[in-house]
Amino acid sequence: NTDPMSIDLGASPKDETIVEGSGDKVTYKPQLLLDGNVQDGYLFQFAASDSSGVPLNTAGDDPNLAAATNPMTSFDVTEAMCVQAEGNVALSIFAVKQS
């Protein structure tokens, strides 16, 4: 059996490519799907890290407080994140039901 729920990443640009030196970003605006149908009422938490698991999206002055705790509709992976991660950004996306 496969899980009937999935997340459509909604990446823009679709090829998720950032050209070095461009200052570009990839924007993710995901949708939660159940058997292929969009489910309303969800926000998403985004955890970006490098290949060692070091968080790339932190909040405020506390580097241990990952912005992944803030549910939102979209998230940008920036060229600066790619440079910090030496080109290897891992992104975990979690759906959160709005209250």
Protein backbone atom coordinates (compact mmCIF):
# COMPACT_ATOMS: atom_id res chain seq x y z
CA ASN A 1 0.00 0.00 0.00
CA THR A 2 1.05 3.57 -0.62
CA ASP A 3 0.23 6.60 1.49
CA PRO A 4 -2.84 8.36 0.00
CA MET A 5 -1.47 11.72 1.19
CA SER A 6 1.31 13.55 -0.61
CA ILE A 7 2.67 17.06 -0.94
CA ASP A 8 2.90 18.80 -4.30
CA LEU A 9 5.97 21.02 -3.84
CA GLY A 10 4.72 23.81 -6.11
CA ALA A 11 8.33 24.78 -6.94
CA SER A 12 9.03 27.87 -9.02
CA PRO A 13 11.03 27.57 -11.16
CA LYS A 14 9.89 23.99 -11.69
CA ASP A 15 13.43 22.70 -12.31
CA GLU A 16 14.48 24.10 -8.88
CA THR A 17 17.68 25.54 -10.37
CA ILE A 18 19.53 28.61 -9.12
CA VAL A 19 22.27 29.93 -11.41
CA GLU A 20 25.44 30.81 -9.52
CA GLY A 21 25.88 34.56 -9.10
CA SER A 22 22.27 35.35 -10.09
CA GLY A 23 20.90 36.09 -6.62
CA ASP A 24 17.88 34.00 -7.62
CA LYS A 25 15.74 31.81 -5.41
CA VAL A 26 13.41 28.84 -5.66
CA THR A 27 9.98 29.43 -4.14
CA TYR A 28 8.02 26.49 -2.78
CA LYS A 29 4.25 26.90 -2.43
CA PRO A 30 3.09 23.39 -1.58
CA GLN A 31 -0.36 21.83 -1.54
CA LEU A 32 -1.43 18.80 0.47
CA LEU A 33 -3.04 16.12 -1.69
CA LEU A 34 -5.27 13.23 -0.64
CA ASP A 35 -5.66 10.68 -3.44
CA GLY A 36 -4.57 13.44 -5.84
CA ASN A 37 -7.13 15.99 -4.60
CA VAL A 38 -6.03 19.28 -3.00
CA GLN A 39 -6.85 19.53 0.70
CA ASP A 40 -7.67 23.02 2.00
CA GLY A 41 -6.89 24.38 5.45
CA TYR A 42 -3.19 23.48 5.69
CA LEU A 43 -0.04 25.52 6.18
CA PHE A 44 3.48 24.16 5.95
CA GLN A 45 6.64 24.13 8.02
CA PHE A 46 9.89 24.22 6.06
CA ALA A 47 13.19 22.94 7.45
CA ALA A 48 16.18 23.72 5.24
CA SER A 49 19.56 22.24 6.15
CA ASP A 50 22.95 21.47 4.68
CA SER A 51 24.19 17.91 4.12
CA SER A 52 25.36 17.73 7.76
CA GLY A 53 21.93 18.67 9.08
CA VAL A 54 22.87 22.21 10.09
CA PRO A 55 19.74 24.41 9.81
CA LEU A 56 19.86 27.08 7.12
CA ASN A 57 16.62 28.85 8.05
CA THR A 58 16.88 30.22 11.55
CA ALA A 59 14.78 32.84 13.29
CA GLY A 60 16.02 35.96 15.03
CA ASP A 61 19.34 35.96 16.86
CA ASP A 62 19.02 32.39 18.13
CA PRO A 63 20.63 30.01 15.58
CA ASN A 64 19.10 27.02 17.40
CA LEU A 65 15.53 28.28 16.80
CA ALA A 66 14.70 26.97 13.33
CA ALA A 67 12.09 28.93 11.40
CA ALA A 68 10.59 25.52 10.65
CA THR A 69 8.39 26.09 13.71
CA ASN A 70 6.44 28.83 11.90
CA PRO A 71 3.72 27.42 9.60
CA MET A 72 3.41 29.42 6.37
CA THR A 73 2.09 29.15 2.81
CA SER A 74 5.42 29.38 0.96
CA PHE A 75 9.17 29.34 1.45
CA ASP A 76 12.18 30.56 -0.54
CA VAL A 77 15.47 28.70 -0.87
CA THR A 78 17.95 31.45 -1.71
CA GLU A 79 21.28 31.45 -3.47
CA ALA A 80 22.86 32.42 -0.14
CA MET A 81 21.49 29.20 1.40
CA CYS A 82 22.98 27.21 -1.47
CA VAL A 83 26.37 28.87 -0.95
CA GLN A 84 26.21 28.20 2.81
CA ALA A 85 25.31 24.54 2.13
CA GLU A 86 27.97 24.23 -0.60
CA GLY A 87 25.26 23.49 -3.16
CA ASN A 88 23.58 20.71 -1.19
CA VAL A 89 20.35 22.03 0.40
CA ALA A 90 17.98 19.51 1.97
CA LEU A 91 14.39 20.72 2.42
CA SER A 92 11.84 18.95 4.59
CA ILE A 93 8.21 20.09 4.33
CA PHE A 94 5.56 19.27 6.92
CA ALA A 95 1.81 19.94 6.52
CA VAL A 96 0.08 21.51 9.53
CA LYS A 97 -3.71 21.72 9.85
CA GLN A 98 -4.83 25.29 10.46
CA SER A 99 -6.76 25.77 13.68
